[in-house]
Amino acid sequence: MSVQKKGWRDLPTGGLILEAGSSHTYKTGGWRTYRPVHNPQKCINCLACWIYCPDSSVIVTDGKFVGFDLDHCKGCGVCAYECPKKVRAITMTEEAEEAKD
């Protein structure tokens, strides 16, 4: 089954995005060098990580942190940086280290 690729003449002028919500279909987590790791024993559910995440990769249910959407997390570390200094419930580890486990 071959997929017909679009040529440059088939693309919308100006690189417009013609359909809403298309960013969810592009899994960008493969760009990551570092990944966030959550320590639930330290977490106070302040949700600063959720507020500041530029990729909406922090998953919250019923007002509590439940995980990361690693399909879309680019490993920027904003969540770990914004986690309160006294808590530090989120740390960044190298993606290669996680692959070993």
Protein backbone atom coordinates (compact mmCIF):
# COMPACT_ATOMS: atom_id res chain seq x y z
CA MET A 1 0.00 0.00 0.00
CA SER A 2 1.67 3.22 -1.10
CA VAL A 3 0.89 6.61 0.36
CA GLN A 4 0.58 9.45 -2.11
CA LYS A 5 2.77 12.32 -0.89
CA LYS A 6 1.81 15.89 -1.57
CA GLY A 7 4.03 18.06 -3.70
CA TRP A 8 4.77 21.68 -2.91
CA ARG A 9 1.96 22.81 -5.19
CA ASP A 10 -0.56 20.83 -3.13
CA LEU A 11 0.34 22.58 0.15
CA PRO A 12 -1.81 25.51 1.34
CA THR A 13 -0.42 28.96 0.60
CA GLY A 14 1.48 30.41 3.53
CA GLY A 15 1.65 27.05 5.36
CA LEU A 16 -1.84 27.53 6.81
CA ILE A 17 -3.24 24.87 9.09
CA LEU A 18 -6.60 24.04 7.55
CA GLU A 19 -7.94 21.60 10.11
CA ALA A 20 -8.25 22.25 13.84
CA GLY A 21 -6.67 20.00 16.42
CA SER A 22 -4.16 18.42 14.08
CA SER A 23 -1.25 18.80 16.52
CA HIS A 24 -2.57 15.90 18.60
CA THR A 25 -1.90 13.48 15.74
CA TYR A 26 1.82 14.37 15.61
CA LYS A 27 3.72 12.53 18.30
CA THR A 28 6.71 14.74 19.08
CA GLY A 29 8.04 12.92 22.17
CA GLY A 30 10.75 11.28 20.07
CA TRP A 31 12.66 14.57 20.03
CA ARG A 32 13.33 14.29 23.75
CA THR A 33 16.81 14.02 25.23
CA TYR A 34 15.60 14.26 28.84
CA ARG A 35 12.36 12.95 30.31
CA PRO A 36 10.50 14.02 33.44
CA VAL A 37 10.27 11.57 36.32
CA HIS A 38 7.63 12.12 39.01
CA ASN A 39 8.05 11.18 42.68
CA PRO A 40 4.51 10.79 44.09
CA GLN A 41 5.76 10.71 47.70
CA LYS A 42 7.07 14.28 47.35
CA CYS A 43 4.23 15.71 45.23
CA ILE A 44 1.87 18.20 46.92
CA ASN A 45 -0.41 18.48 43.82
CA CYS A 46 0.16 22.22 43.45
CA LEU A 47 -0.14 21.65 39.67
CA ALA A 48 2.51 24.24 38.80
CA CYS A 49 3.87 21.65 36.35
CA TRP A 50 0.48 21.49 34.61
CA ILE A 51 0.12 25.28 34.47
CA TYR A 52 3.54 25.93 32.93
CA CYS A 53 3.95 22.91 30.60
CA PRO A 54 4.13 24.38 27.07
CA ASP A 55 3.04 21.08 25.47
CA SER A 56 0.09 20.21 27.75
CA SER A 57 1.93 16.98 28.57
CA VAL A 58 1.07 16.89 32.28
CA ILE A 59 -2.00 14.74 32.86
CA VAL A 60 -4.32 15.81 35.70
CA THR A 61 -7.47 14.02 36.85
CA ASP A 62 -9.75 15.27 39.63
CA GLY A 63 -7.26 18.01 40.53
CA LYS A 64 -4.33 15.63 41.00
CA PHE A 65 -1.25 14.83 38.95
CA VAL A 66 -1.56 11.38 37.35
CA GLY A 67 1.26 11.25 34.81
CA PHE A 68 2.97 12.63 31.72
CA ASP A 69 1.90 12.35 28.10
CA LEU A 70 5.29 11.17 26.86
CA ASP A 71 4.03 10.98 23.27
CA HIS A 72 4.00 14.79 23.21
CA CYS A 73 6.51 15.78 25.94
CA LYS A 74 9.65 17.27 24.40
CA GLY A 75 11.69 17.12 27.61
CA CYS A 76 12.13 20.87 28.04
CA GLY A 77 12.25 20.59 31.86
CA VAL A 78 9.83 23.45 32.58
CA CYS A 79 7.76 21.13 34.80
CA ALA A 80 10.80 20.25 36.94
CA TYR A 81 11.93 23.89 37.08
CA GLU A 82 8.50 25.12 38.21
CA CYS A 83 8.03 22.38 40.83
CA PRO A 84 8.45 24.15 44.21
CA LYS A 85 12.07 24.16 45.37
CA LYS A 86 11.19 22.61 48.74
CA VAL A 87 9.31 19.76 47.04
CA ARG A 88 11.21 18.82 43.85
CA ALA A 89 8.76 16.05 42.98
CA ILE A 90 9.85 16.14 39.31
CA THR A 91 13.38 15.49 38.11
CA MET A 92 14.76 15.21 34.61
CA THR A 93 16.68 12.09 33.59
CA GLU A 94 18.43 11.28 30.35
CA GLU A 95 16.25 9.40 27.91
CA ALA A 96 19.09 6.92 27.35
CA GLU A 97 19.09 6.05 31.07
CA GLU A 98 15.35 5.30 30.98
CA ALA A 99 15.82 3.09 27.89
CA LYS A 100 18.23 0.86 29.86
CA ASP A 101 15.56 0.00 32.45
